[in-house]
Each structure stands twice: as C-alpha cells, then as structure tokens.
Amino acid sequence: AAPGTYTLRLFLAETFFGPANGRRGGEGSRLFDVFCNGQALLRRLDVMKEAGGENRPLVKTFPGLAPNAQGKLILDFVPVRNLATLSALELVAE
C-alpha cells in the first residue's frame, strides 16, 4: 500500500452455525480475534451475537490504519473457537 492512512471495512455474517442454516450452534459457536500489523482490532468477535442472529450482515470499520515499514497492511484472523469467517473486506485510502 502507498504511504498514508486507510480505512478498513470488514463485512461478516454467520452463514454456517444456527438453526436457519440447518446446523447446531448459536452465539458463542465461533469466536476469533482480528489483528492488523500485530495490533488487535477485535477480540473474541462473535459475529452471530453482534449481528443479532445467523445470516445477518455485520460491518466493522477501522479508520486510521497505516502500512508497516514494508508497505503492507497484514491482517490476521486468529481462531479462539472454531475457524474465523470473513465475507469481504474493503480498504480505502483516507
């Protein structure tokens, strides 16, 4: 990424767990952390809980992110319970 600051938007939805998806599990079935260049953006994110149910959209926005010394914004999705999920992301120069 070019030098400067960026806004990151993460687009998420719980499309696996929950009765509407034909699977057991509910809130707390999937928890994960999100980091950018080693700094925590989210801890123990529960998409189903924050979105208010399965198959509902959740958008998380993080302004003011800057690339590291190599010009990269490195995102890590670290599982706490089950695997992390992400539907899409958007990175916009500020």
PDB file of N, CA and C in Angstrom:
ATOM      1  N   ALA A   1       0.851  -1.184   0.000  1.00  0.00           N
ATOM      2  CA  ALA A   1       0.000   0.000   0.000  1.00  0.00           C
ATOM      3  C   ALA A   1       0.891   1.241   0.000  1.00  0.00           C
ATOM      4  N   ALA A   2       0.415   2.261  -0.643  1.00  0.00           N
ATOM      5  CA  ALA A   2       1.151   3.530  -0.669  1.00  0.00           C
ATOM      6  C   ALA A   2       1.154   4.139   0.734  1.00  0.00           C
ATOM      7  N   PRO A   3       2.178   4.941   1.052  1.00  0.00           N
ATOM      8  CA  PRO A   3       2.195   5.598   2.365  1.00  0.00           C
ATOM      9  C   PRO A   3       0.918   6.412   2.579  1.00  0.00           C
ATOM     10  N   GLY A   4       0.487   6.477   3.816  1.00  0.00           N
ATOM     11  CA  GLY A   4      -0.733   7.203   4.162  1.00  0.00           C
ATOM     12  C   GLY A   4      -1.548   6.396   5.143  1.00  0.00           C
ATOM     13  N   THR A   5      -2.784   6.814   5.325  1.00  0.00           N
ATOM     14  CA  THR A   5      -3.674   6.073   6.217  1.00  0.00           C
ATOM     15  C   THR A   5      -4.867   5.546   5.428  1.00  0.00           C
ATOM     16  N   TYR A   6      -5.441   4.492   5.961  1.00  0.00           N
ATOM     17  CA  TYR A   6      -6.509   3.774   5.281  1.00  0.00           C
ATOM     18  C   TYR A   6      -7.634   3.454   6.249  1.00  0.00           C
ATOM     19  N   THR A   7      -8.831   3.322   5.700  1.00  0.00           N
ATOM     20  CA  THR A   7      -9.968   2.808   6.449  1.00  0.00           C
ATOM     21  C   THR A   7     -10.241   1.395   5.960  1.00  0.00           C
ATOM     22  N   LEU A   8     -10.332   0.474   6.911  1.00  0.00           N
ATOM     23  CA  LEU A   8     -10.621  -0.925   6.624  1.00  0.00           C
ATOM     24  C   LEU A   8     -12.047  -1.227   7.049  1.00  0.00           C
ATOM     25  N   ARG A   9     -12.797  -1.862   6.155  1.00  0.00           N
ATOM     26  CA  ARG A   9     -14.136  -2.338   6.497  1.00  0.00           C
ATOM     27  C   ARG A   9     -14.167  -3.853   6.312  1.00  0.00           C
ATOM     28  N   LEU A  10     -14.619  -4.535   7.357  1.00  0.00           N
ATOM     29  CA  LEU A  10     -14.794  -5.982   7.304  1.00  0.00           C
ATOM     30  C   LEU A  10     -16.285  -6.274   7.219  1.00  0.00           C
ATOM     31  N   PHE A  11     -16.657  -7.083   6.246  1.00  0.00           N
ATOM     32  CA  PHE A  11     -18.043  -7.476   6.041  1.00  0.00           C
ATOM     33  C   PHE A  11     -18.168  -8.938   6.466  1.00  0.00           C
ATOM     34  N   LEU A  12     -19.042  -9.189   7.446  1.00  0.00           N
ATOM     35  CA  LEU A  12     -19.144 -10.507   8.047  1.00  0.00           C
ATOM     36  C   LEU A  12     -20.603 -10.945   8.159  1.00  0.00           C
ATOM     37  N   ALA A  13     -20.800 -12.247   8.214  1.00  0.00           N
ATOM     38  CA  ALA A  13     -22.106 -12.841   8.509  1.00  0.00           C
ATOM     39  C   ALA A  13     -21.864 -14.279   8.952  1.00  0.00           C
ATOM     40  N   GLU A  14     -22.658 -14.747   9.883  1.00  0.00           N
ATOM     41  CA  GLU A  14     -22.559 -16.148  10.303  1.00  0.00           C
ATOM     42  C   GLU A  14     -23.453 -16.974   9.392  1.00  0.00           C
ATOM     43  N   THR A  15     -22.837 -17.678   8.451  1.00  0.00           N
ATOM     44  CA  THR A  15     -23.596 -18.440   7.456  1.00  0.00           C
ATOM     45  C   THR A  15     -23.449 -19.953   7.635  1.00  0.00           C
ATOM     46  N   PHE A  16     -22.845 -20.378   8.728  1.00  0.00           N
ATOM     47  CA  PHE A  16     -22.666 -21.815   8.969  1.00  0.00           C
ATOM     48  C   PHE A  16     -23.487 -22.276  10.165  1.00  0.00           C
ATOM     49  N   PHE A  17     -23.224 -21.710  11.336  1.00  0.00           N
ATOM     50  CA  PHE A  17     -23.908 -22.129  12.553  1.00  0.00           C
ATOM     51  C   PHE A  17     -25.311 -21.529  12.622  1.00  0.00           C
ATOM     52  N   GLY A  18     -26.183 -22.229  13.351  1.00  0.00           N
ATOM     53  CA  GLY A  18     -27.521 -21.719  13.615  1.00  0.00           C
ATOM     54  C   GLY A  18     -28.611 -22.523  12.935  1.00  0.00           C
ATOM     55  N   PRO A  19     -29.804 -22.530  13.512  1.00  0.00           N
ATOM     56  CA  PRO A  19     -30.909 -23.329  13.005  1.00  0.00           C
ATOM     57  C   PRO A  19     -31.328 -22.952  11.582  1.00  0.00           C
ATOM     58  N   ALA A  20     -31.266 -21.687  11.223  1.00  0.00           N
ATOM     59  CA  ALA A  20     -31.649 -21.277   9.870  1.00  0.00           C
ATOM     60  C   ALA A  20     -30.703 -21.863   8.825  1.00  0.00           C
ATOM     61  N   ASN A  21     -29.497 -22.225   9.248  1.00  0.00           N
ATOM     62  CA  ASN A  21     -28.509 -22.819   8.345  1.00  0.00           C
ATOM     63  C   ASN A  21     -28.487 -24.349   8.448  1.00  0.00           C
ATOM     64  N   GLY A  22     -29.419 -24.901   9.239  1.00  0.00           N
ATOM     65  CA  GLY A  22     -29.519 -26.350   9.368  1.00  0.00           C
ATOM     66  C   GLY A  22     -28.420 -26.967  10.216  1.00  0.00           C
ATOM     67  N   ARG A  23     -27.811 -26.175  11.079  1.00  0.00           N
ATOM     68  CA  ARG A  23     -26.716 -26.691  11.902  1.00  0.00           C
ATOM     69  C   ARG A  23     -26.918 -26.295  13.358  1.00  0.00           C
ATOM     70  N   ARG A  24     -26.409 -27.150  14.232  1.00  0.00           N
ATOM     71  CA  ARG A  24     -26.410 -26.823  15.658  1.00  0.00           C
ATOM     72  C   ARG A  24     -25.469 -25.665  15.913  1.00  0.00           C
ATOM     73  N   GLY A  25     -25.643 -25.056  17.041  1.00  0.00           N
ATOM     74  CA  GLY A  25     -24.765 -23.967  17.449  1.00  0.00           C
ATOM     75  C   GLY A  25     -25.493 -22.645  17.375  1.00  0.00           C
ATOM     76  N   GLY A  26     -24.996 -21.734  18.125  1.00  0.00           N
ATOM     77  CA  GLY A  26     -25.583 -20.396  18.168  1.00  0.00           C
ATOM     78  C   GLY A  26     -24.517 -19.428  18.616  1.00  0.00           C
ATOM     79  N   GLU A  27     -24.941 -18.437  19.363  1.00  0.00           N
ATOM     80  CA  GLU A  27     -23.975 -17.461  19.870  1.00  0.00           C
ATOM     81  C   GLU A  27     -22.875 -18.191  20.625  1.00  0.00           C
ATOM     82  N   GLY A  28     -21.660 -17.776  20.416  1.00  0.00           N
ATOM     83  CA  GLY A  28     -20.517 -18.388  21.074  1.00  0.00           C
ATOM     84  C   GLY A  28     -19.923 -19.565  20.334  1.00  0.00           C
ATOM     85  N   SER A  29     -20.559 -20.005  19.248  1.00  0.00           N
ATOM     86  CA  SER A  29     -20.039 -21.147  18.489  1.00  0.00           C
ATOM     87  C   SER A  29     -18.776 -20.799  17.711  1.00  0.00           C
ATOM     88  N   ARG A  30     -18.632 -19.517  17.333  1.00  0.00           N
ATOM     89  CA  ARG A  30     -17.457 -19.080  16.582  1.00  0.00           C
ATOM     90  C   ARG A  30     -16.955 -17.774  17.220  1.00  0.00           C
ATOM     91  N   LEU A  31     -15.741 -17.804  17.704  1.00  0.00           N
ATOM     92  CA  LEU A  31     -15.104 -16.618  18.282  1.00  0.00           C
ATOM     93  C   LEU A  31     -13.723 -16.489  17.667  1.00  0.00           C
ATOM     94  N   PHE A  32     -13.337 -15.261  17.324  1.00  0.00           N
ATOM     95  CA  PHE A  32     -12.000 -15.065  16.779  1.00  0.00           C
ATOM     96  C   PHE A  32     -11.535 -13.629  17.014  1.00  0.00           C
ATOM     97  N   ASP A  33     -10.219 -13.459  16.945  1.00  0.00           N
ATOM     98  CA  ASP A  33      -9.582 -12.152  17.088  1.00  0.00           C
ATOM     99  C   ASP A  33      -9.137 -11.677  15.713  1.00  0.00           C
ATOM    100  N   VAL A  34      -9.080 -10.357  15.536  1.00  0.00           N
ATOM    101  CA  VAL A  34      -8.600  -9.764  14.292  1.00  0.00           C
ATOM    102  C   VAL A  34      -7.477  -8.793  14.630  1.00  0.00           C
ATOM    103  N   PHE A  35      -6.359  -8.941  13.927  1.00  0.00           N
ATOM    104  CA  PHE A  35      -5.189  -8.080  14.111  1.00  0.00           C
ATOM    105  C   PHE A  35      -4.814  -7.423  12.788  1.00  0.00           C
ATOM    106  N   CYS A  36      -4.266  -6.224  12.865  1.00  0.00           N
ATOM    107  CA  CYS A  36      -3.679  -5.558  11.709  1.00  0.00           C
ATOM    108  C   CYS A  36      -2.269  -5.145  12.093  1.00  0.00           C
ATOM    109  N   ASN A  37      -1.294  -5.678  11.364  1.00  0.00           N
ATOM    110  CA  ASN A  37       0.118  -5.414  11.657  1.00  0.00           C
ATOM    111  C   ASN A  37       0.448  -5.642  13.132  1.00  0.00           C
ATOM    112  N   GLY A  38      -0.120  -6.713  13.684  1.00  0.00           N
ATOM    113  CA  GLY A  38       0.183  -7.123  15.050  1.00  0.00           C
ATOM    114  C   GLY A  38      -0.627  -6.437  16.132  1.00  0.00           C
ATOM    115  N   GLN A  39      -1.444  -5.447  15.788  1.00  0.00           N
ATOM    116  CA  GLN A  39      -2.261  -4.758  16.785  1.00  0.00           C
ATOM    117  C   GLN A  39      -3.694  -5.277  16.725  1.00  0.00           C
ATOM    118  N   ALA A  40      -4.261  -5.526  17.893  1.00  0.00           N
ATOM    119  CA  ALA A  40      -5.617  -6.076  17.953  1.00  0.00           C
ATOM    120  C   ALA A  40      -6.644  -5.044  17.504  1.00  0.00           C
ATOM    121  N   LEU A  41      -7.481  -5.438  16.551  1.00  0.00           N
ATOM    122  CA  LEU A  41      -8.632  -4.626  16.154  1.00  0.00           C
ATOM    123  C   LEU A  41      -9.888  -5.121  16.845  1.00  0.00           C
ATOM    124  N   LEU A  42     -10.018  -6.442  16.974  1.00  0.00           N
ATOM    125  CA  LEU A  42     -11.171  -7.066  17.620  1.00  0.00           C
ATOM    126  C   LEU A  42     -10.697  -8.247  18.455  1.00  0.00           C
ATOM    127  N   ARG A  43     -11.321  -8.434  19.597  1.00  0.00           N
ATOM    128  CA  ARG A  43     -11.026  -9.580  20.458  1.00  0.00           C
ATOM    129  C   ARG A  43     -12.310 -10.363  20.680  1.00  0.00           C
ATOM    130  N   ARG A  44     -12.220 -11.682  20.494  1.00  0.00           N
ATOM    131  CA  ARG A  44     -13.332 -12.594  20.757  1.00  0.00           C
ATOM    132  C   ARG A  44     -14.607 -12.158  20.031  1.00  0.00           C
ATOM    133  N   LEU A  45     -14.471 -11.831  18.760  1.00  0.00           N
ATOM    134  CA  LEU A  45     -15.627 -11.417  17.971  1.00  0.00           C
ATOM    135  C   LEU A  45     -16.582 -12.593  17.801  1.00  0.00           C
ATOM    136  N   ASP A  46     -17.837 -12.370  18.120  1.00  0.00           N
ATOM    137  CA  ASP A  46     -18.917 -13.335  17.921  1.00  0.00           C
ATOM    138  C   ASP A  46     -19.874 -12.690  16.927  1.00  0.00           C
ATOM    139  N   VAL A  47     -19.724 -13.039  15.657  1.00  0.00           N
ATOM    140  CA  VAL A  47     -20.494 -12.397  14.593  1.00  0.00           C
ATOM    141  C   VAL A  47     -21.990 -12.593  14.806  1.00  0.00           C
ATOM    142  N   MET A  48     -22.409 -13.813  15.155  1.00  0.00           N
ATOM    143  CA  MET A  48     -23.834 -14.079  15.338  1.00  0.00           C
ATOM    144  C   MET A  48     -24.419 -13.199  16.436  1.00  0.00           C
ATOM    145  N   LYS A  49     -23.707 -13.066  17.531  1.00  0.00           N
ATOM    146  CA  LYS A  49     -24.203 -12.253  18.648  1.00  0.00           C
ATOM    147  C   LYS A  49     -24.290 -10.780  18.260  1.00  0.00           C
ATOM    148  N   GLU A  50     -23.231 -10.250  17.652  1.00  0.00           N
ATOM    149  CA  GLU A  50     -23.218  -8.821  17.316  1.00  0.00           C
ATOM    150  C   GLU A  50     -24.181  -8.473  16.191  1.00  0.00           C
ATOM    151  N   ALA A  51     -24.395  -9.414  15.266  1.00  0.00           N
ATOM    152  CA  ALA A  51     -25.301  -9.155  14.147  1.00  0.00           C
ATOM    153  C   ALA A  51     -26.759  -9.391  14.531  1.00  0.00           C
ATOM    154  N   GLY A  52     -26.989 -10.089  15.631  1.00  0.00           N
ATOM    155  CA  GLY A  52     -28.352 -10.358  16.069  1.00  0.00           C
ATOM    156  C   GLY A  52     -28.960 -11.614  15.464  1.00  0.00           C
ATOM    157  N   GLY A  53     -28.104 -12.546  15.031  1.00  0.00           N
ATOM    158  CA  GLY A  53     -28.597 -13.818  14.502  1.00  0.00           C
ATOM    159  C   GLY A  53     -27.786 -14.262  13.305  1.00  0.00           C
ATOM    160  N   GLU A  54     -28.100 -15.475  12.833  1.00  0.00           N
ATOM    161  CA  GLU A  54     -27.379 -16.000  11.675  1.00  0.00           C
ATOM    162  C   GLU A  54     -27.877 -15.331  10.397  1.00  0.00           C
ATOM    163  N   ASN A  55     -27.000 -15.335   9.404  1.00  0.00           N
ATOM    164  CA  ASN A  55     -27.285 -14.785   8.071  1.00  0.00           C
ATOM    165  C   ASN A  55     -27.592 -13.282   8.078  1.00  0.00           C
ATOM    166  N   ARG A  56     -27.199 -12.584   9.107  1.00  0.00           N
ATOM    167  CA  ARG A  56     -27.399 -11.137   9.177  1.00  0.00           C
ATOM    168  C   ARG A  56     -26.053 -10.450   8.979  1.00  0.00           C
ATOM    169  N   PRO A  57     -26.030  -9.359   8.238  1.00  0.00           N
ATOM    170  CA  PRO A  57     -24.760  -8.688   7.962  1.00  0.00           C
ATOM    171  C   PRO A  57     -24.231  -7.917   9.172  1.00  0.00           C
ATOM    172  N   LEU A  58     -22.915  -7.887   9.254  1.00  0.00           N
ATOM    173  CA  LEU A  58     -22.220  -7.105  10.268  1.00  0.00           C
ATOM    174  C   LEU A  58     -21.039  -6.436   9.574  1.00  0.00           C
ATOM    175  N   VAL A  59     -20.914  -5.131   9.737  1.00  0.00           N
ATOM    176  CA  VAL A  59     -19.797  -4.392   9.150  1.00  0.00           C
ATOM    177  C   VAL A  59     -19.020  -3.753  10.286  1.00  0.00           C
ATOM    178  N   LYS A  60     -17.712  -3.996  10.299  1.00  0.00           N
ATOM    179  CA  LYS A  60     -16.816  -3.397  11.288  1.00  0.00           C
ATOM    180  C   LYS A  60     -15.870  -2.458  10.542  1.00  0.00           C
ATOM    181  N   THR A  61     -15.733  -1.218  11.021  1.00  0.00           N
ATOM    182  CA  THR A  61     -14.936  -0.200  10.347  1.00  0.00           C
ATOM    183  C   THR A  61     -13.790   0.252  11.242  1.00  0.00           C
ATOM    184  N   PHE A  62     -12.600   0.360  10.638  1.00  0.00           N
ATOM    185  CA  PHE A  62     -11.391   0.740  11.369  1.00  0.00           C
ATOM    186  C   PHE A  62     -10.654   1.825  10.581  1.00  0.00           C
ATOM    187  N   PRO A  63     -10.803   3.090  10.969  1.00  0.00           N
ATOM    188  CA  PRO A  63     -10.091   4.161  10.273  1.00  0.00           C
ATOM    189  C   PRO A  63      -8.675   4.336  10.819  1.00  0.00           C
ATOM    190  N   GLY A  64      -7.854   5.046  10.062  1.00  0.00           N
ATOM    191  CA  GLY A  64      -6.533   5.452  10.547  1.00  0.00           C
ATOM    192  C   GLY A  64      -5.470   4.381  10.548  1.00  0.00           C
ATOM    193  N   LEU A  65      -5.621   3.340   9.748  1.00  0.00           N
ATOM    194  CA  LEU A  65      -4.604   2.286   9.702  1.00  0.00           C
ATOM    195  C   LEU A  65      -3.488   2.679   8.740  1.00  0.00           C
ATOM    196  N   ALA A  66      -2.251   2.430   9.140  1.00  0.00           N
ATOM    197  CA  ALA A  66      -1.090   2.770   8.312  1.00  0.00           C
ATOM    198  C   ALA A  66      -0.300   1.516   7.968  1.00  0.00           C
ATOM    199  N   PRO A  67       0.240   1.455   6.750  1.00  0.00           N
ATOM    200  CA  PRO A  67       1.058   0.309   6.361  1.00  0.00           C
ATOM    201  C   PRO A  67       2.310   0.202   7.235  1.00  0.00           C
ATOM    202  N   ASN A  68       2.850  -1.022   7.326  1.00  0.00           N
ATOM    203  CA  ASN A  68       4.096  -1.223   8.074  1.00  0.00           C
ATOM    204  C   ASN A  68       5.282  -0.724   7.247  1.00  0.00           C
ATOM    205  N   ALA A  69       6.496  -0.941   7.723  1.00  0.00           N
ATOM    206  CA  ALA A  69       7.704  -0.449   7.052  1.00  0.00           C
ATOM    207  C   ALA A  69       7.883  -1.039   5.656  1.00  0.00           C
ATOM    208  N   GLN A  70       7.284  -2.189   5.408  1.00  0.00           N
ATOM    209  CA  GLN A  70       7.365  -2.816   4.089  1.00  0.00           C
ATOM    210  C   GLN A  70       6.204  -2.406   3.182  1.00  0.00           C
ATOM    211  N   GLY A  71       5.375  -1.473   3.644  1.00  0.00           N
ATOM    212  CA  GLY A  71       4.245  -1.003   2.847  1.00  0.00           C
ATOM    213  C   GLY A  71       3.059  -1.946   2.832  1.00  0.00           C
ATOM    214  N   LYS A  72       2.903  -2.745   3.890  1.00  0.00           N
ATOM    215  CA  LYS A  72       1.830  -3.737   3.927  1.00  0.00           C
ATOM    216  C   LYS A  72       0.897  -3.517   5.114  1.00  0.00           C
ATOM    217  N   LEU A  73      -0.346  -3.848   4.900  1.00  0.00           N
ATOM    218  CA  LEU A  73      -1.329  -3.966   5.974  1.00  0.00           C
ATOM    219  C   LEU A  73      -1.609  -5.462   6.089  1.00  0.00           C
ATOM    220  N   ILE A  74      -1.046  -6.073   7.110  1.00  0.00           N
ATOM    221  CA  ILE A  74      -1.158  -7.521   7.284  1.00  0.00           C
ATOM    222  C   ILE A  74      -2.292  -7.814   8.261  1.00  0.00           C
ATOM    223  N   LEU A  75      -3.312  -8.524   7.765  1.00  0.00           N
ATOM    224  CA  LEU A  75      -4.457  -8.883   8.595  1.00  0.00           C
ATOM    225  C   LEU A  75      -4.329 -10.329   9.031  1.00  0.00           C
ATOM    226  N   ASP A  76      -4.563 -10.567  10.307  1.00  0.00           N
ATOM    227  CA  ASP A  76      -4.558 -11.921  10.867  1.00  0.00           C
ATOM    228  C   ASP A  76      -5.901 -12.162  11.530  1.00  0.00           C
ATOM    229  N   PHE A  77      -6.510 -13.295  11.207  1.00  0.00           N
ATOM    230  CA  PHE A  77      -7.760 -13.726  11.800  1.00  0.00           C
ATOM    231  C   PHE A  77      -7.438 -14.965  12.627  1.00  0.00           C
ATOM    232  N   VAL A  78      -7.425 -14.802  13.945  1.00  0.00           N
ATOM    233  CA  VAL A  78      -6.941 -15.843  14.846  1.00  0.00           C
ATOM    234  C   VAL A  78      -8.120 -16.516  15.547  1.00  0.00           C
ATOM    235  N   PRO A  79      -8.328 -17.817  15.287  1.00  0.00           N
ATOM    236  CA  PRO A  79      -9.447 -18.521  15.905  1.00  0.00           C
ATOM    237  C   PRO A  79      -9.301 -18.626  17.423  1.00  0.00           C
ATOM    238  N   VAL A  80     -10.402 -18.433  18.129  1.00  0.00           N
ATOM    239  CA  VAL A  80     -10.498 -18.703  19.558  1.00  0.00           C
ATOM    240  C   VAL A  80     -11.354 -19.954  19.746  1.00  0.00           C
ATOM    241  N   ARG A  81     -12.490 -20.005  19.033  1.00  0.00           N
ATOM    242  CA  ARG A  81     -13.360 -21.190  18.997  1.00  0.00           C
ATOM    243  C   ARG A  81     -13.839 -21.355  17.556  1.00  0.00           C
ATOM    244  N   ASN A  82     -13.552 -22.492  16.960  1.00  0.00           N
ATOM    245  CA  ASN A  82     -13.809 -22.763  15.546  1.00  0.00           C
ATOM    246  C   ASN A  82     -13.013 -21.780  14.683  1.00  0.00           C
ATOM    247  N   LEU A  83     -13.202 -21.833  13.392  1.00  0.00           N
ATOM    248  CA  LEU A  83     -12.413 -21.003  12.484  1.00  0.00           C
ATOM    249  C   LEU A  83     -13.035 -19.622  12.316  1.00  0.00           C
ATOM    250  N   ALA A  84     -12.202 -18.654  11.941  1.00  0.00           N
ATOM    251  CA  ALA A  84     -12.686 -17.303  11.666  1.00  0.00           C
ATOM    252  C   ALA A  84     -13.473 -17.308  10.362  1.00  0.00           C
ATOM    253  N   THR A  85     -14.303 -16.285  10.167  1.00  0.00           N
ATOM    254  CA  THR A  85     -15.063 -16.136   8.930  1.00  0.00           C
ATOM    255  C   THR A  85     -14.997 -14.697   8.462  1.00  0.00           C
ATOM    256  N   LEU A  86     -15.000 -14.510   7.160  1.00  0.00           N
ATOM    257  CA  LEU A  86     -14.999 -13.185   6.560  1.00  0.00           C
ATOM    258  C   LEU A  86     -15.693 -13.284   5.215  1.00  0.00           C
ATOM    259  N   SER A  87     -16.644 -12.397   4.954  1.00  0.00           N
ATOM    260  CA  SER A  87     -17.337 -12.406   3.673  1.00  0.00           C
ATOM    261  C   SER A  87     -16.629 -11.522   2.655  1.00  0.00           C
ATOM    262  N   ALA A  88     -16.182 -10.356   3.087  1.00  0.00           N
ATOM    263  CA  ALA A  88     -15.474  -9.439   2.180  1.00  0.00           C
ATOM    264  C   ALA A  88     -14.758  -8.390   3.006  1.00  0.00           C
ATOM    265  N   LEU A  89     -13.828  -7.697   2.363  1.00  0.00           N
ATOM    266  CA  LEU A  89     -13.192  -6.553   3.012  1.00  0.00           C
ATOM    267  C   LEU A  89     -13.022  -5.440   1.995  1.00  0.00           C
ATOM    268  N   GLU A  90     -12.927  -4.235   2.510  1.00  0.00           N
ATOM    269  CA  GLU A  90     -12.727  -3.050   1.680  1.00  0.00           C
ATOM    270  C   GLU A  90     -11.654  -2.207   2.343  1.00  0.00           C
ATOM    271  N   LEU A  91     -10.699  -1.761   1.559  1.00  0.00           N
ATOM    272  CA  LEU A  91      -9.627  -0.899   2.047  1.00  0.00           C
ATOM    273  C   LEU A  91      -9.645   0.373   1.213  1.00  0.00           C
ATOM    274  N   VAL A  92      -9.842   1.522   1.883  1.00  0.00           N
ATOM    275  CA  VAL A  92      -9.993   2.798   1.186  1.00  0.00           C
ATOM    276  C   VAL A  92      -8.971   3.776   1.731  1.00  0.00           C
ATOM    277  N   ALA A  93      -8.236   4.431   0.814  1.00  0.00           N
ATOM    278  CA  ALA A  93      -7.289   5.468   1.234  1.00  0.00           C
ATOM    279  C   ALA A  93      -8.056   6.638   1.831  1.00  0.00           C
ATOM    280  N   GLU A  94      -7.523   7.192   2.901  1.00  0.00           N
ATOM    281  CA  GLU A  94      -8.186   8.337   3.551  1.00  0.00           C
ATOM    282  C   GLU A  94      -7.736   9.639   2.932  1.00  0.00           C
TER     283      GLU A  94
END
